[in-house]
Amino acid sequence: MTTKEQAKLICEALDEKKALDITVIDISELAVFSDYFIIASADNINQLGAMQDACDEAMYKNGIHARQIEGNSKSTWILMDYYDIIVHLFSKDDRLFYDLERIWRDGKQMRFHEFRSQQ
């Protein structure tokens, strides 16, 4: 499975949990530590936990294990490191505060539906 296919799998898992504003940033030409950032928001902490579980389950079923996960059931920002893909799950307020899309604006940014339709 390619990294892009893995990223699509994660996005689909997030979409199934009604994640808000799923954004994919291709940082492969900007950073050596990862190819993609996937950023999504949740309405509440319970939804954040469900989104984390869905990502982890989708990847695990495909033989891919997270290198590291930061955050817990009370966190408003969860980071999941899948080597070439880093997933950032935020509360709405934290996402606005940290504004990773602005910080990584030099990467190619796509909404989930644009990214999913790419070959």
Protein backbone atom coordinates (compact mmCIF):
# COMPACT_ATOMS: atom_id res chain seq x y z
CA MET A 1 0.00 0.00 0.00
CA THR A 2 1.43 3.37 -1.00
CA THR A 3 1.67 6.28 1.37
CA LYS A 4 -1.03 8.07 -0.61
CA GLU A 5 -3.35 5.06 -0.28
CA GLN A 6 -2.66 5.00 3.46
CA ALA A 7 -3.52 8.70 3.69
CA LYS A 8 -6.78 8.10 1.84
CA LEU A 9 -7.58 5.22 4.21
CA ILE A 10 -7.09 7.50 7.21
CA CYS A 11 -9.21 10.23 5.65
CA GLU A 12 -12.02 7.77 4.96
CA ALA A 13 -11.89 6.53 8.56
CA LEU A 14 -12.11 10.13 9.79
CA ASP A 15 -14.95 10.89 7.40
CA GLU A 16 -16.92 7.91 8.72
CA LYS A 17 -16.68 9.45 12.21
CA LYS A 18 -17.99 12.78 10.88
CA ALA A 19 -14.67 14.59 11.29
CA LEU A 20 -14.88 18.25 10.35
CA ASP A 21 -12.83 19.98 7.67
CA ILE A 22 -10.46 17.10 6.83
CA THR A 23 -7.38 18.61 5.20
CA VAL A 24 -4.39 16.84 3.68
CA ILE A 25 -1.10 18.71 3.30
CA ASP A 26 1.59 17.17 1.10
CA ILE A 27 4.83 18.17 2.81
CA SER A 28 7.06 15.66 1.00
CA GLU A 29 9.08 18.40 -0.69
CA LEU A 30 9.37 20.47 2.51
CA ALA A 31 10.26 17.97 5.22
CA VAL A 32 12.21 14.74 5.58
CA PHE A 33 10.24 13.38 8.55
CA SER A 34 6.91 12.86 6.77
CA ASP A 35 5.09 13.03 3.44
CA TYR A 36 1.62 14.05 4.59
CA PHE A 37 -0.08 15.88 7.40
CA ILE A 38 -3.75 15.05 7.85
CA ILE A 39 -5.65 17.57 9.94
CA ALA A 40 -9.23 17.23 11.16
CA SER A 41 -11.48 18.74 13.81
CA ALA A 42 -14.14 17.37 16.12
CA ASP A 43 -17.15 18.87 17.86
CA ASN A 44 -16.22 17.34 21.22
CA ILE A 45 -13.71 15.18 23.08
CA ASN A 46 -15.75 12.00 22.63
CA GLN A 47 -15.70 12.48 18.87
CA LEU A 48 -11.92 13.07 18.99
CA GLY A 49 -11.50 9.71 20.72
CA ALA A 50 -13.72 7.98 18.16
CA MET A 51 -11.71 9.54 15.33
CA GLN A 52 -8.45 8.36 16.88
CA ASP A 53 -9.80 4.84 17.32
CA ALA A 54 -11.08 4.74 13.73
CA CYS A 55 -7.69 5.83 12.30
CA ASP A 56 -5.77 3.38 14.41
CA GLU A 57 -8.12 0.50 13.57
CA ALA A 58 -8.02 1.21 9.82
CA MET A 59 -4.24 1.31 9.80
CA TYR A 60 -3.87 -1.71 12.11
CA LYS A 61 -6.11 -3.81 9.82
CA ASN A 62 -3.65 -3.02 7.04
CA GLY A 63 -0.61 -4.00 9.09
CA ILE A 64 0.48 -0.47 9.91
CA HIS A 65 1.12 0.48 13.51
CA ALA A 66 1.53 3.98 14.88
CA ARG A 67 5.09 4.85 15.80
CA GLN A 68 3.77 7.17 18.48
CA ILE A 69 0.49 8.68 19.68
CA GLU A 70 0.39 11.85 21.76
CA GLY A 71 -2.75 12.80 23.65
CA ASN A 72 -5.35 10.90 25.63
CA SER A 73 -9.09 10.73 26.26
CA LYS A 74 -9.09 14.22 27.80
CA SER A 75 -6.88 15.87 25.18
CA THR A 76 -8.09 18.48 22.72
CA TRP A 77 -5.23 17.72 20.31
CA ILE A 78 -4.18 14.20 19.39
CA LEU A 79 -1.12 13.52 17.24
CA MET A 80 -0.73 10.13 15.57
CA ASP A 81 2.61 9.38 13.89
CA TYR A 82 2.44 6.76 11.14
CA TYR A 83 5.99 7.40 9.86
CA ASP A 84 5.20 9.01 6.49
CA ILE A 85 1.83 10.35 7.67
CA ILE A 86 1.19 12.47 10.72
CA VAL A 87 -2.43 12.86 11.80
CA HIS A 88 -3.48 15.90 13.85
CA LEU A 89 -6.91 15.70 15.47
CA PHE A 90 -8.10 18.92 17.10
CA SER A 91 -10.95 20.51 18.93
CA LYS A 92 -12.25 23.41 16.84
CA ASP A 93 -10.68 26.00 19.16
CA ASP A 94 -7.26 24.32 19.25
CA ARG A 95 -7.21 23.99 15.49
CA LEU A 96 -7.81 27.71 15.10
CA PHE A 97 -5.18 28.50 17.73
CA TYR A 98 -2.38 26.33 16.29
CA ASP A 99 -3.33 26.98 12.65
CA LEU A 100 -1.09 24.31 11.12
CA GLU A 101 -2.51 25.08 7.68
CA ARG A 102 -0.94 28.53 7.88
CA ILE A 103 2.36 27.27 9.26
CA TRP A 104 2.61 24.64 6.48
CA ARG A 105 1.11 26.82 3.74
CA ASP A 106 4.04 26.03 1.43
CA GLY A 107 2.81 22.44 1.21
CA LYS A 108 0.14 21.36 -1.24
CA GLN A 109 -3.13 21.58 0.69
CA MET A 110 -6.26 19.70 -0.31
CA ARG A 111 -9.62 19.07 1.28
CA PHE A 112 -10.43 15.40 1.74
CA HIS A 113 -12.81 15.24 -1.21
CA GLU A 114 -10.19 16.72 -3.56
CA PHE A 115 -7.54 14.34 -2.25
CA ARG A 116 -9.83 11.30 -2.49
CA SER A 117 -10.57 11.97 -6.17
CA GLN A 118 -6.88 12.05 -7.13
CA GLN A 119 -5.43 9.01 -8.84
